[in-house]
Protein backbone atom coordinates (compact mmCIF):
# COMPACT_ATOMS: atom_id res chain seq x y z
CA MET A 1 -37.30 63.91 -83.16
CA THR A 2 -34.75 61.86 -85.08
CA ASP A 3 -34.92 63.33 -88.59
CA GLY A 4 -31.95 65.67 -88.22
CA ARG A 5 -33.98 68.45 -86.61
CA GLU A 6 -33.10 67.70 -82.99
CA PHE A 7 -31.44 71.12 -82.92
CA LEU A 8 -34.89 72.73 -82.79
CA ARG A 9 -34.97 71.90 -79.08
CA LEU A 10 -31.95 74.12 -78.48
CA PRO A 11 -32.23 77.85 -77.75
CA ASP A 12 -32.26 80.47 -80.49
CA LEU A 13 -28.90 82.21 -80.05
CA ALA A 14 -29.95 85.07 -82.34
CA SER A 15 -33.13 86.00 -80.50
CA ARG A 16 -33.70 89.61 -79.50
CA THR A 17 -34.54 88.23 -76.05
CA LEU A 18 -30.88 87.21 -75.61
CA GLY A 19 -29.61 90.51 -76.98
CA GLY A 20 -29.29 89.56 -80.64
CA GLY A 21 -29.21 92.23 -83.32
CA VAL A 22 -29.09 92.76 -87.07
CA PRO A 23 -26.34 95.33 -87.62
CA TYR A 24 -26.49 95.30 -91.41
CA ALA A 25 -28.56 94.38 -94.45
CA ASN A 26 -27.77 95.49 -97.97
CA ASP A 27 -31.47 96.19 -98.65
CA GLU A 28 -34.69 96.39 -96.61
CA LEU A 29 -36.96 98.48 -98.79
CA PHE A 30 -40.23 96.72 -97.99
CA ALA A 31 -39.71 95.38 -94.44
CA PRO A 32 -36.95 96.01 -91.87
CA ARG A 33 -34.19 93.54 -91.11
CA GLU A 34 -34.77 93.67 -87.34
CA ASN A 35 -37.94 91.58 -87.76
CA LEU A 36 -35.75 88.54 -88.49
CA ILE A 37 -34.94 88.04 -84.79
CA THR A 38 -38.25 89.04 -83.22
CA PRO A 39 -39.39 86.42 -80.69
CA GLY A 40 -42.55 84.58 -81.59
CA PRO A 41 -44.11 83.75 -84.96
CA ALA A 42 -44.69 86.31 -87.68
CA VAL A 43 -48.18 87.82 -87.96
CA PHE A 44 -50.07 88.84 -91.08
CA ASP A 45 -52.85 91.33 -91.80
CA THR A 46 -54.42 91.08 -95.26
CA GLU A 47 -55.45 94.76 -95.18
CA ASP A 48 -52.16 96.25 -93.93
CA PHE A 49 -50.65 98.21 -96.83
CA GLY A 50 -48.20 101.11 -96.80
CA HIS A 51 -46.98 103.50 -99.47
CA LYS A 52 -44.35 100.92 -100.54
CA GLY A 53 -46.81 98.05 -100.79
CA LYS A 54 -47.95 95.18 -98.56
CA VAL A 55 -46.58 95.39 -95.01
CA TYR A 56 -44.91 92.17 -93.87
CA ASP A 57 -43.71 91.10 -90.44
CA GLY A 58 -40.28 90.07 -91.70
CA TRP A 59 -37.34 91.25 -93.79
CA GLU A 60 -38.12 91.95 -97.45
CA THR A 61 -35.90 93.35 -100.18
CA ARG A 62 -36.84 94.93 -103.51
CA ARG A 63 -36.93 93.00 -106.79
CA ARG A 64 -33.42 92.78 -108.20
CA ARG A 65 -32.80 94.03 -111.74
CA GLU A 66 -29.08 93.22 -111.69
CA PRO A 67 -26.90 90.19 -110.85
CA GLY A 68 -26.15 89.39 -107.24
CA HIS A 69 -28.06 88.56 -104.09
CA ASP A 70 -29.21 90.16 -100.82
CA HIS A 71 -27.91 89.47 -97.33
CA ALA A 72 -28.30 90.40 -93.68
CA ILE A 73 -25.78 90.02 -90.85
CA VAL A 74 -27.08 88.85 -87.46
CA ARG A 75 -25.17 89.34 -84.23
CA LEU A 76 -25.80 86.43 -81.86
CA GLY A 77 -27.09 87.52 -78.48
CA ALA A 78 -25.34 84.51 -77.00
CA PRO A 79 -22.31 83.35 -79.02
CA GLY A 80 -21.99 79.61 -79.28
CA ILE A 81 -21.81 76.50 -81.41
CA VAL A 82 -24.52 76.58 -84.08
CA ARG A 83 -26.32 73.24 -84.48
CA GLY A 84 -28.94 74.32 -86.98
CA VAL A 85 -30.80 77.27 -88.50
CA VAL A 86 -34.36 77.92 -89.61
CA VAL A 87 -35.13 80.22 -92.52
CA ASP A 88 -38.82 80.90 -91.95
CA THR A 89 -40.71 82.31 -94.94
CA ALA A 90 -44.07 82.50 -93.13
CA TRP A 91 -46.67 84.48 -95.13
CA PHE A 92 -44.24 85.01 -98.02
CA ARG A 93 -45.85 83.08 -100.89
CA GLY A 94 -45.18 84.91 -104.15
CA ASN A 95 -42.20 86.89 -102.91
CA TYR A 96 -40.02 84.42 -100.99
CA PRO A 97 -36.41 83.71 -102.05
CA PRO A 98 -35.99 80.49 -104.03
CA PHE A 99 -32.61 79.82 -102.38
CA ALA A 100 -30.66 80.76 -99.25
CA SER A 101 -27.21 80.17 -97.81
CA VAL A 102 -25.68 80.92 -94.40
CA GLU A 103 -22.16 81.84 -93.34
CA ALA A 104 -20.72 82.41 -89.87
CA THR A 105 -17.74 84.10 -88.26
CA GLY A 106 -16.22 84.66 -84.84
CA VAL A 107 -14.76 88.07 -84.06
CA GLU A 108 -13.52 89.95 -81.01
CA GLY A 109 -15.36 92.89 -79.50
CA TYR A 110 -18.12 94.82 -81.19
CA PRO A 111 -17.24 95.23 -84.88
CA SER A 112 -18.81 97.76 -87.24
CA PRO A 113 -20.60 96.62 -90.43
CA ASP A 114 -17.48 97.45 -92.46
CA GLU A 115 -15.31 95.37 -90.13
CA LEU A 116 -17.76 92.50 -90.38
CA ALA A 117 -17.72 92.69 -94.17
CA ALA A 118 -13.94 92.22 -94.02
CA ALA A 119 -14.11 89.28 -91.58
CA GLU A 120 -13.33 85.70 -92.54
CA TRP A 121 -16.65 83.93 -93.09
CA ARG A 122 -17.25 80.18 -93.18
CA THR A 123 -20.16 78.60 -95.04
CA ILE A 124 -22.31 76.58 -92.65
CA VAL A 125 -25.32 76.09 -94.95
CA ALA A 126 -24.59 75.83 -98.67
CA ARG A 127 -26.96 77.45 -101.16
CA SER A 128 -30.18 75.47 -100.66
CA PRO A 129 -33.75 75.66 -101.99
CA LEU A 130 -36.49 77.23 -99.89
CA GLN A 131 -40.23 76.69 -99.74
CA GLY A 132 -42.60 79.62 -99.38
CA ASP A 133 -44.70 80.14 -96.24
CA THR A 134 -42.61 77.45 -94.53
CA ALA A 135 -40.14 77.13 -91.65
CA ASN A 136 -37.17 75.71 -93.61
CA PRO A 137 -34.76 73.88 -91.23
CA PHE A 138 -31.08 73.20 -91.97
CA PRO A 139 -28.76 71.26 -89.60
CA VAL A 140 -25.23 72.62 -89.11
CA THR A 141 -22.12 70.57 -88.27
CA ALA A 142 -19.42 73.28 -88.13
CA GLY A 143 -18.59 72.73 -84.44
CA GLU A 144 -16.99 76.14 -83.84
CA ARG A 145 -18.06 79.05 -81.63
CA PHE A 146 -19.48 81.90 -83.70
CA THR A 147 -20.46 85.46 -82.82
CA HIS A 148 -22.19 86.48 -86.09
CA VAL A 149 -24.04 84.76 -88.93
CA ARG A 150 -24.83 86.05 -92.40
CA LEU A 151 -28.06 85.05 -94.14
CA SER A 152 -27.92 85.36 -97.93
CA ILE A 153 -31.05 85.09 -100.05
CA HIS A 154 -30.74 84.34 -103.76
CA PRO A 155 -31.55 86.58 -105.46
CA ASP A 156 -34.04 88.61 -103.37
CA GLY A 157 -37.36 88.35 -101.52
CA GLY A 158 -38.70 88.08 -98.01
CA VAL A 159 -37.91 86.05 -94.87
CA ALA A 160 -40.11 86.34 -91.80
CA ARG A 161 -37.83 84.93 -89.11
CA PHE A 162 -34.27 83.61 -88.91
CA ARG A 163 -33.53 81.25 -86.02
CA VAL A 164 -30.02 80.15 -85.07
CA HIS A 165 -30.24 77.18 -82.68
CA GLY A 166 -27.22 76.00 -80.75
CA ASP A 167 -25.24 75.63 -77.54
CA VAL A 168 -24.09 78.74 -75.71
CA VAL A 169 -20.32 78.97 -75.14
CA PRO A 170 -19.63 81.93 -72.81
CA ASP A 171 -16.44 83.97 -72.93
CA PRO A 172 -14.72 83.08 -69.62
CA ARG A 173 -12.80 86.36 -69.69
CA LEU A 174 -16.09 88.19 -69.10
CA LEU A 175 -17.44 86.00 -66.29
CA PRO A 176 -17.07 87.47 -62.80
CA SER A 177 -15.96 85.33 -59.89
CA THR A 178 -19.61 84.81 -58.89
CA PHE A 179 -22.34 84.66 -61.54
CA ASP A 180 -25.66 83.05 -62.42
CA LEU A 181 -24.70 79.45 -63.16
CA ALA A 182 -28.13 78.66 -64.63
CA ALA A 183 -28.44 81.63 -67.01
CA LEU A 184 -28.79 80.73 -70.65
CA VAL A 185 -26.37 83.48 -71.72
CA ASN A 186 -23.74 81.96 -69.42
CA GLY A 187 -24.17 78.45 -70.82
CA GLY A 188 -26.88 77.07 -68.54
CA ARG A 189 -29.73 75.02 -69.98
CA ILE A 190 -32.87 73.11 -69.07
CA HIS A 191 -32.17 69.40 -68.56
CA ASP A 192 -35.72 68.20 -68.01
CA CYS A 193 -39.16 69.35 -66.93
CA SER A 194 -42.27 67.60 -65.66
CA ASP A 195 -44.79 69.79 -67.48
CA MET A 196 -44.79 72.83 -69.80
CA PHE A 197 -48.44 72.99 -70.76
CA TYR A 198 -48.68 76.78 -70.96
CA SER A 199 -45.09 77.96 -71.49
CA SER A 200 -41.52 76.72 -71.73
CA PRO A 201 -39.18 76.30 -68.75
CA VAL A 202 -36.43 77.86 -70.91
CA ASN A 203 -38.08 81.18 -70.05
CA LEU A 204 -36.87 80.72 -66.47
CA ILE A 205 -33.24 81.25 -67.47
CA LEU A 206 -33.68 84.07 -69.99
CA PRO A 207 -32.23 87.55 -69.34
CA GLY A 208 -34.30 90.35 -67.87
CA GLN A 209 -37.67 90.26 -66.18
CA ALA A 210 -40.84 88.65 -67.47
CA ARG A 211 -43.44 91.17 -68.61
CA THR A 212 -46.33 88.67 -68.49
CA MET A 213 -46.99 85.17 -67.20
CA GLY A 214 -46.49 83.95 -70.74
CA GLU A 215 -42.83 84.94 -70.50
CA GLY A 216 -42.28 82.61 -67.55
CA TRP A 217 -42.82 78.89 -66.97
CA GLU A 218 -46.36 77.74 -66.23
CA ASN A 219 -47.56 74.15 -65.92
CA ALA A 220 -51.05 72.70 -65.96
CA ARG A 221 -53.07 72.34 -62.76
CA ARG A 222 -52.30 69.03 -61.10
CA ARG A 223 -55.17 66.71 -60.21
CA ASP A 224 -53.09 64.04 -58.45
CA ASP A 225 -50.81 63.75 -55.40
CA GLY A 226 -47.57 64.62 -57.20
CA ASN A 227 -45.73 67.85 -57.87
CA ASP A 228 -44.01 69.56 -60.79
CA HIS A 229 -40.29 70.14 -61.25
CA VAL A 230 -37.57 71.54 -63.50
CA THR A 231 -33.91 70.46 -63.60
CA PHE A 232 -31.24 72.95 -64.61
CA ALA A 233 -27.89 71.90 -66.12
CA LEU A 234 -25.39 74.48 -64.91
CA ALA A 235 -22.99 76.32 -67.20
CA ALA A 236 -20.16 74.39 -65.49
CA PRO A 237 -19.81 72.40 -62.27
CA GLY A 238 -19.99 74.93 -59.44
CA VAL A 239 -21.11 75.78 -55.91
CA VAL A 240 -24.48 77.57 -55.76
CA ALA A 241 -24.65 80.14 -52.94
CA ILE A 242 -27.79 82.20 -53.59
CA ALA A 243 -31.03 81.28 -55.35
CA GLU A 244 -33.61 83.69 -56.73
CA LEU A 245 -37.08 82.22 -57.25
CA ASP A 246 -39.17 84.93 -58.87
CA THR A 247 -42.95 84.54 -59.03
CA SER A 248 -43.50 88.05 -60.45
CA ARG A 249 -46.65 88.26 -62.64
CA PHE A 250 -47.94 84.98 -61.19
CA VAL A 251 -50.72 86.26 -58.93
CA GLY A 252 -53.10 83.29 -58.82
CA ASN A 253 -50.84 80.68 -60.39
CA ALA A 254 -47.71 80.75 -58.23
CA PRO A 255 -46.54 77.58 -56.40
CA GLY A 256 -47.31 77.33 -52.73
CA TRP A 257 -43.84 76.02 -51.90
CA ALA A 258 -40.56 75.18 -53.59
CA SER A 259 -37.36 73.27 -52.80
CA LEU A 260 -33.95 72.89 -54.45
CA ARG A 261 -31.62 69.89 -54.65
CA GLY A 262 -28.28 69.45 -56.38
CA ILE A 263 -26.18 66.63 -57.78
CA ASP A 264 -22.79 66.12 -59.39
CA ALA A 265 -23.91 63.95 -62.29
CA ARG A 266 -20.30 63.10 -63.14
CA THR A 267 -19.99 60.93 -60.05
CA ALA A 268 -23.56 60.12 -58.98
CA ALA A 269 -26.58 58.59 -60.71
CA PRO A 270 -29.34 61.18 -61.28
CA ASP A 271 -32.01 58.47 -61.07
CA ASP A 272 -30.96 57.69 -57.47
CA PRO A 273 -33.05 59.93 -55.17
CA GLN A 274 -30.48 59.51 -52.39
CA ALA A 275 -27.75 61.05 -54.56
CA TRP A 276 -29.39 64.48 -54.54
CA ALA A 277 -28.26 66.87 -51.80
CA GLU A 278 -30.67 69.40 -50.33
CA LEU A 279 -29.83 73.01 -51.19
CA LEU A 280 -33.08 74.66 -50.09
CA PRO A 281 -35.67 72.83 -47.98
CA ARG A 282 -39.32 73.02 -48.89
CA THR A 283 -40.03 76.73 -48.42
CA ARG A 284 -43.20 78.78 -48.72
CA LEU A 285 -43.46 81.17 -51.69
CA GLN A 286 -45.62 84.24 -52.11
CA PRO A 287 -47.39 85.20 -55.33
CA ASP A 288 -45.98 87.97 -57.53
CA THR A 289 -42.78 88.20 -55.48
CA PRO A 290 -39.03 87.97 -56.18
CA HIS A 291 -37.60 85.67 -53.48
CA ARG A 292 -33.89 85.50 -52.59
CA PHE A 293 -32.51 82.65 -50.47
CA ARG A 294 -29.00 82.07 -49.18
CA LEU A 295 -28.18 78.38 -49.52
CA ALA A 296 -26.23 76.29 -47.09
CA ALA A 297 -22.59 75.83 -48.10
CA GLY A 298 -22.53 72.80 -50.33
CA ASP A 299 -20.48 70.69 -52.67
CA VAL A 300 -19.89 71.16 -56.36
CA VAL A 301 -22.97 70.30 -58.44
CA THR A 302 -23.63 70.00 -62.15
CA HIS A 303 -27.44 70.02 -61.97
CA VAL A 304 -30.04 71.65 -59.73
CA ARG A 305 -33.60 70.40 -59.48
CA MET A 306 -36.38 72.76 -58.42
CA ASP A 307 -39.54 71.11 -57.13
CA VAL A 308 -42.70 73.22 -56.87
CA TYR A 309 -45.62 72.14 -54.71
CA PRO A 310 -48.02 71.11 -55.92
CA ASP A 311 -47.81 73.04 -59.21
CA GLY A 312 -47.67 76.62 -60.48
CA GLY A 313 -45.42 78.93 -62.41
CA LEU A 314 -42.43 81.21 -61.93
CA SER A 315 -41.08 83.97 -64.13
CA ARG A 316 -37.33 83.56 -63.52
CA VAL A 317 -34.85 81.40 -61.59
CA ARG A 318 -31.30 82.59 -60.82
CA LEU A 319 -28.66 80.34 -59.25
CA HIS A 320 -25.70 82.49 -58.27
CA GLY A 321 -22.46 80.76 -57.45
CA ALA A 322 -18.81 80.25 -58.27
CA LEU A 323 -16.68 77.76 -60.16
CA PRO A 324 -13.81 75.96 -58.45
CA PRO A 325 -10.47 76.97 -60.03
CA ASP A 326 -10.06 73.71 -61.94
CA GLU A 327 -13.58 73.95 -63.42
CA ARG A 328 -13.01 77.56 -64.46
CA ARG A 329 -9.80 76.53 -66.20
CA GLU A 330 -11.61 73.72 -68.01
CA LEU A 331 -14.29 76.17 -69.17
CA GLY A 332 -11.56 78.46 -70.53
CA LEU A 333 -9.88 75.60 -72.37
CA ARG A 334 -13.13 74.51 -74.02
CA TRP A 335 -13.83 78.10 -75.10
CA PHE A 336 -10.38 78.53 -76.66
CA HIS A 337 -10.62 75.24 -78.53
CA ALA A 338 -14.05 76.24 -79.93
CA LEU A 339 -12.89 79.57 -81.39
CA PRO A 340 -12.57 79.85 -85.18
CA GLY A 341 -8.95 80.18 -86.20
CA THR A 342 -9.20 83.86 -87.08
CA GLN A 343 -10.66 84.82 -83.71
CA ALA A 344 -8.22 82.58 -81.83
CA ARG A 345 -5.36 84.47 -83.50
CA GLU A 346 -7.06 87.75 -82.59
CA VAL A 347 -7.15 86.64 -78.96
CA LEU A 348 -3.53 85.51 -78.85
CA ALA A 349 -1.77 88.17 -80.96
CA PRO A 350 -1.84 90.94 -78.28
CA LEU A 351 -0.61 88.42 -75.69
CA VAL A 352 2.15 86.54 -77.50
CA GLY A 353 2.68 88.36 -80.79
CA ALA A 354 1.15 87.69 -84.20
CA GLU A 355 3.82 85.25 -85.40
CA ARG A 356 3.64 82.96 -82.38
CA ALA A 357 -0.16 83.22 -82.28
CA GLY A 358 -0.49 81.50 -85.65
CA GLY A 359 1.60 78.55 -84.52
CA LEU A 360 -0.30 78.13 -81.26
CA VAL A 361 -3.64 78.14 -83.04
CA SER A 362 -2.38 75.42 -85.38
CA ASP A 363 -1.33 73.35 -82.36
CA ARG A 364 -4.86 73.10 -80.96
CA PRO A 365 -6.26 71.17 -79.21
CA PHE A 366 -4.00 71.35 -76.17
CA ALA A 367 -3.89 68.49 -73.70
CA GLY A 368 -4.68 70.73 -70.73
CA PHE A 369 -4.96 74.26 -69.40
CA ALA A 370 -1.32 74.23 -68.29
CA ASP A 371 -0.23 73.92 -71.93
CA LEU A 372 -1.71 77.32 -72.84
CA PRO A 373 0.62 80.36 -72.96
CA ASP A 374 1.10 82.05 -69.59
CA ALA A 375 -0.52 85.29 -70.78
CA LEU A 376 -3.66 83.48 -71.98
CA ARG A 377 -3.94 81.54 -68.74
CA ALA A 378 -3.76 84.82 -66.83
CA ALA A 379 -6.47 86.37 -69.05
CA LEU A 380 -8.75 83.40 -68.44
CA GLY A 381 -8.29 83.58 -64.69
């Protein structure tokens, strides 16, 4: 995919699955705003009518009779750098908005709708035409870490789904000393996968438990002598201490065995089999069972490869571990550099005073963690 839509491979930061929400919309007369972030495609029933008219699986506003436009604010379940958005008008044919625009902001804490309305918003998608009954993609090049996005439709109409694809940037102040290094909400991601015939390996690193096999990773049945595998890129280089391999819901489709290997891809070649260190030897798995394994003390790794034998699916994989002090500091520095100016000043003002905060934000980027104010370094651990 080289047409500017590579971002579609990235996770949807706004998804309800990650904890996203829609705290405000100025109008939702025909269909509620929360539908915007529902996982999965919109559905349509030609005979489903209510007392307000046709029922749509999306967000739909009334017909405007005055100047202006409608908008909805989406809280990202996993704040991060937005690489692209999709304004999906599925099933909206005569009532879709002719234009849309998107803004974004980064704020501290859990603001109310009124506080969000007063925030400093940056346009990341200028007013652009939409097609009806279409997933309309728009790449984004802002490069900052955002916590909320605002979808504006001009002047009114219906949108089925709103996807916000990007890279998760976790808040290092909220990460405990030991955490799941593979979790999507912590910045982990899928690096590669041998097969995803039935469902995506991204499901393995989602929050919560899978309710069905479809919410896990399931590959096709192998008819050769090989095996299937998934490689996880960790949130940051770290030492993995405990692995959870959960086959819950997979009764007849679980792997027979699994193994784990790790590599520091900064110093070793991933295509060299000898460069991978064993973390968990080939170990028998049981169907429909959460397994927990303590791993042998190992070195820092950036990637972990799980091999399943010969095939089969899992619902979740957790790789609990810790970051060495220098890696944790680097994570904190990247986070601070990615903050929008307004939020960066919010972070610094209680630590160094409002006047000095403005100057420090203007001085970004800093050469290293040691150049940050003492109080910020302490807050970042």
